[in-house]
Amino acid sequence: MKLKELREKKGLSQKRLAEKLGVGRTTVTLWELGINKPRTDMLPGLAKALGCNVDALLCSKP
């Protein structure tokens, strides 16, 4: 998952993305580091916040 790249492309801070999703900033950090992964029910909201589709979050290739 290229979450950090998508977030930065959208111009969002970790804090702002976390606020949009109703999670803590640490949660976003852990997702970006690959330590944790978003729950499947979070993926549609995450994709919407990042201006992409769910496939873009799941696929490692562009």
N, C-alpha and C. Protein backbone atom coordinates (compact mmCIF):
# COMPACT_ATOMS: atom_id res chain seq x y z
N MET A 1 0.86 -1.18 0.00
CA MET A 1 0.00 0.00 0.00
C MET A 1 0.90 1.24 0.00
N LYS A 2 0.56 2.18 -0.81
CA LYS A 2 1.33 3.41 -0.92
C LYS A 2 0.57 4.57 -0.28
N LEU A 3 0.13 4.35 0.91
CA LEU A 3 -0.72 5.29 1.61
C LEU A 3 -0.07 6.66 1.79
N LYS A 4 1.17 6.68 2.22
CA LYS A 4 1.85 7.96 2.45
C LYS A 4 1.93 8.78 1.16
N GLU A 5 2.28 8.12 0.08
CA GLU A 5 2.37 8.80 -1.21
C GLU A 5 1.03 9.40 -1.62
N LEU A 6 -0.04 8.64 -1.47
CA LEU A 6 -1.37 9.12 -1.82
C LEU A 6 -1.79 10.29 -0.92
N ARG A 7 -1.48 10.17 0.38
CA ARG A 7 -1.84 11.23 1.32
C ARG A 7 -1.11 12.53 0.99
N GLU A 8 0.18 12.41 0.74
CA GLU A 8 0.97 13.61 0.43
C GLU A 8 0.54 14.23 -0.90
N LYS A 9 0.22 13.39 -1.87
CA LYS A 9 -0.26 13.89 -3.17
C LYS A 9 -1.54 14.70 -3.01
N LYS A 10 -2.37 14.29 -2.06
CA LYS A 10 -3.63 14.98 -1.79
C LYS A 10 -3.42 16.22 -0.92
N GLY A 11 -2.21 16.37 -0.37
CA GLY A 11 -1.90 17.54 0.46
C GLY A 11 -2.44 17.46 1.87
N LEU A 12 -2.60 16.25 2.38
CA LEU A 12 -3.14 16.05 3.72
C LEU A 12 -2.03 15.70 4.70
N SER A 13 -2.12 16.23 5.90
CA SER A 13 -1.23 15.79 6.97
C SER A 13 -1.80 14.49 7.55
N GLN A 14 -0.98 13.79 8.29
CA GLN A 14 -1.48 12.59 8.97
C GLN A 14 -2.62 12.97 9.91
N LYS A 15 -2.47 14.08 10.60
CA LYS A 15 -3.50 14.52 11.55
C LYS A 15 -4.83 14.78 10.83
N ARG A 16 -4.76 15.49 9.71
CA ARG A 16 -5.99 15.83 8.98
C ARG A 16 -6.67 14.58 8.43
N LEU A 17 -5.89 13.65 7.89
CA LEU A 17 -6.46 12.40 7.39
C LEU A 17 -7.10 11.63 8.52
N ALA A 18 -6.42 11.58 9.66
CA ALA A 18 -6.97 10.88 10.83
C ALA A 18 -8.29 11.50 11.26
N GLU A 19 -8.37 12.83 11.26
CA GLU A 19 -9.61 13.51 11.63
C GLU A 19 -10.74 13.16 10.68
N LYS A 20 -10.43 13.13 9.38
CA LYS A 20 -11.46 12.80 8.38
C LYS A 20 -12.01 11.39 8.59
N LEU A 21 -11.14 10.50 9.07
CA LEU A 21 -11.53 9.10 9.21
C LEU A 21 -12.01 8.73 10.62
N GLY A 22 -11.84 9.66 11.56
CA GLY A 22 -12.26 9.39 12.93
C GLY A 22 -11.34 8.43 13.66
N VAL A 23 -10.04 8.50 13.32
CA VAL A 23 -9.04 7.67 14.00
C VAL A 23 -7.94 8.59 14.53
N GLY A 24 -7.03 8.05 15.29
CA GLY A 24 -5.91 8.84 15.81
C GLY A 24 -4.80 8.96 14.78
N ARG A 25 -3.98 10.00 14.93
CA ARG A 25 -2.86 10.21 14.01
C ARG A 25 -1.90 9.03 14.07
N THR A 26 -1.73 8.47 15.25
CA THR A 26 -0.84 7.32 15.41
C THR A 26 -1.32 6.15 14.55
N THR A 27 -2.61 6.00 14.43
CA THR A 27 -3.16 4.93 13.59
C THR A 27 -2.72 5.11 12.15
N VAL A 28 -2.79 6.34 11.64
CA VAL A 28 -2.37 6.61 10.27
C VAL A 28 -0.87 6.34 10.13
N THR A 29 -0.09 6.74 11.11
CA THR A 29 1.36 6.49 11.09
C THR A 29 1.64 4.99 10.99
N LEU A 30 0.96 4.20 11.80
CA LEU A 30 1.17 2.76 11.80
C LEU A 30 0.76 2.14 10.46
N TRP A 31 -0.28 2.65 9.83
CA TRP A 31 -0.67 2.18 8.50
C TRP A 31 0.44 2.48 7.50
N GLU A 32 0.95 3.70 7.54
CA GLU A 32 1.98 4.11 6.59
C GLU A 32 3.27 3.33 6.76
N LEU A 33 3.59 2.96 7.97
CA LEU A 33 4.79 2.19 8.25
C LEU A 33 4.61 0.70 7.97
N GLY A 34 3.37 0.28 7.71
CA GLY A 34 3.09 -1.11 7.44
C GLY A 34 3.02 -1.98 8.67
N ILE A 35 2.97 -1.35 9.84
CA ILE A 35 2.88 -2.09 11.10
C ILE A 35 1.46 -2.62 11.29
N ASN A 36 0.50 -1.79 10.97
CA ASN A 36 -0.91 -2.17 10.99
C ASN A 36 -1.50 -1.88 9.63
N LYS A 37 -2.68 -2.43 9.38
CA LYS A 37 -3.41 -2.17 8.15
C LYS A 37 -4.81 -1.67 8.50
N PRO A 38 -5.38 -0.83 7.65
CA PRO A 38 -6.74 -0.36 7.93
C PRO A 38 -7.72 -1.53 7.88
N ARG A 39 -8.74 -1.45 8.71
CA ARG A 39 -9.82 -2.45 8.64
C ARG A 39 -10.50 -2.32 7.29
N THR A 40 -11.05 -3.40 6.82
CA THR A 40 -11.69 -3.38 5.50
C THR A 40 -12.84 -2.39 5.43
N ASP A 41 -13.53 -2.19 6.54
CA ASP A 41 -14.65 -1.23 6.53
C ASP A 41 -14.17 0.22 6.46
N MET A 42 -12.87 0.44 6.69
CA MET A 42 -12.30 1.79 6.59
C MET A 42 -11.87 2.14 5.17
N LEU A 43 -11.68 1.13 4.32
CA LEU A 43 -11.12 1.37 3.00
C LEU A 43 -11.93 2.31 2.11
N PRO A 44 -13.27 2.20 2.06
CA PRO A 44 -14.01 3.15 1.21
C PRO A 44 -13.83 4.61 1.65
N GLY A 45 -13.86 4.87 2.94
CA GLY A 45 -13.67 6.22 3.45
C GLY A 45 -12.26 6.72 3.23
N LEU A 46 -11.30 5.83 3.39
CA LEU A 46 -9.91 6.17 3.16
C LEU A 46 -9.68 6.51 1.69
N ALA A 47 -10.24 5.71 0.81
CA ALA A 47 -10.12 5.97 -0.62
C ALA A 47 -10.77 7.31 -0.99
N LYS A 48 -11.92 7.58 -0.42
CA LYS A 48 -12.60 8.85 -0.70
C LYS A 48 -11.76 10.03 -0.22
N ALA A 49 -11.21 9.93 0.98
CA ALA A 49 -10.41 11.02 1.54
C ALA A 49 -9.15 11.27 0.70
N LEU A 50 -8.62 10.21 0.08
CA LEU A 50 -7.40 10.32 -0.69
C LEU A 50 -7.66 10.55 -2.18
N GLY A 51 -8.93 10.55 -2.57
CA GLY A 51 -9.27 10.80 -3.97
C GLY A 51 -8.85 9.68 -4.91
N CYS A 52 -8.96 8.46 -4.43
CA CYS A 52 -8.60 7.31 -5.26
C CYS A 52 -9.66 6.22 -5.07
N ASN A 53 -9.45 5.08 -5.69
CA ASN A 53 -10.36 3.97 -5.45
C ASN A 53 -9.69 2.96 -4.52
N VAL A 54 -10.46 2.03 -4.02
CA VAL A 54 -9.96 1.04 -3.07
C VAL A 54 -8.83 0.22 -3.70
N ASP A 55 -8.92 -0.07 -4.99
CA ASP A 55 -7.86 -0.82 -5.67
C ASP A 55 -6.51 -0.12 -5.54
N ALA A 56 -6.49 1.19 -5.63
CA ALA A 56 -5.24 1.93 -5.50
C ALA A 56 -4.62 1.77 -4.13
N LEU A 57 -5.44 1.54 -3.12
CA LEU A 57 -4.94 1.33 -1.76
C LEU A 57 -4.38 -0.08 -1.60
N LEU A 58 -4.96 -1.03 -2.31
CA LEU A 58 -4.59 -2.42 -2.13
C LEU A 58 -3.46 -2.88 -3.03
N CYS A 59 -3.30 -2.24 -4.16
CA CYS A 59 -2.29 -2.67 -5.14
C CYS A 59 -0.99 -1.90 -4.91
N SER A 60 0.11 -2.63 -4.99
CA SER A 60 1.40 -1.97 -4.81
C SER A 60 1.93 -1.39 -6.10
N LYS A 61 1.38 -1.80 -7.24
CA LYS A 61 1.82 -1.26 -8.53
C LYS A 61 0.88 -0.15 -8.96
N PRO A 62 1.40 0.87 -9.67
CA PRO A 62 0.57 2.00 -10.11
C PRO A 62 -0.48 1.60 -11.12
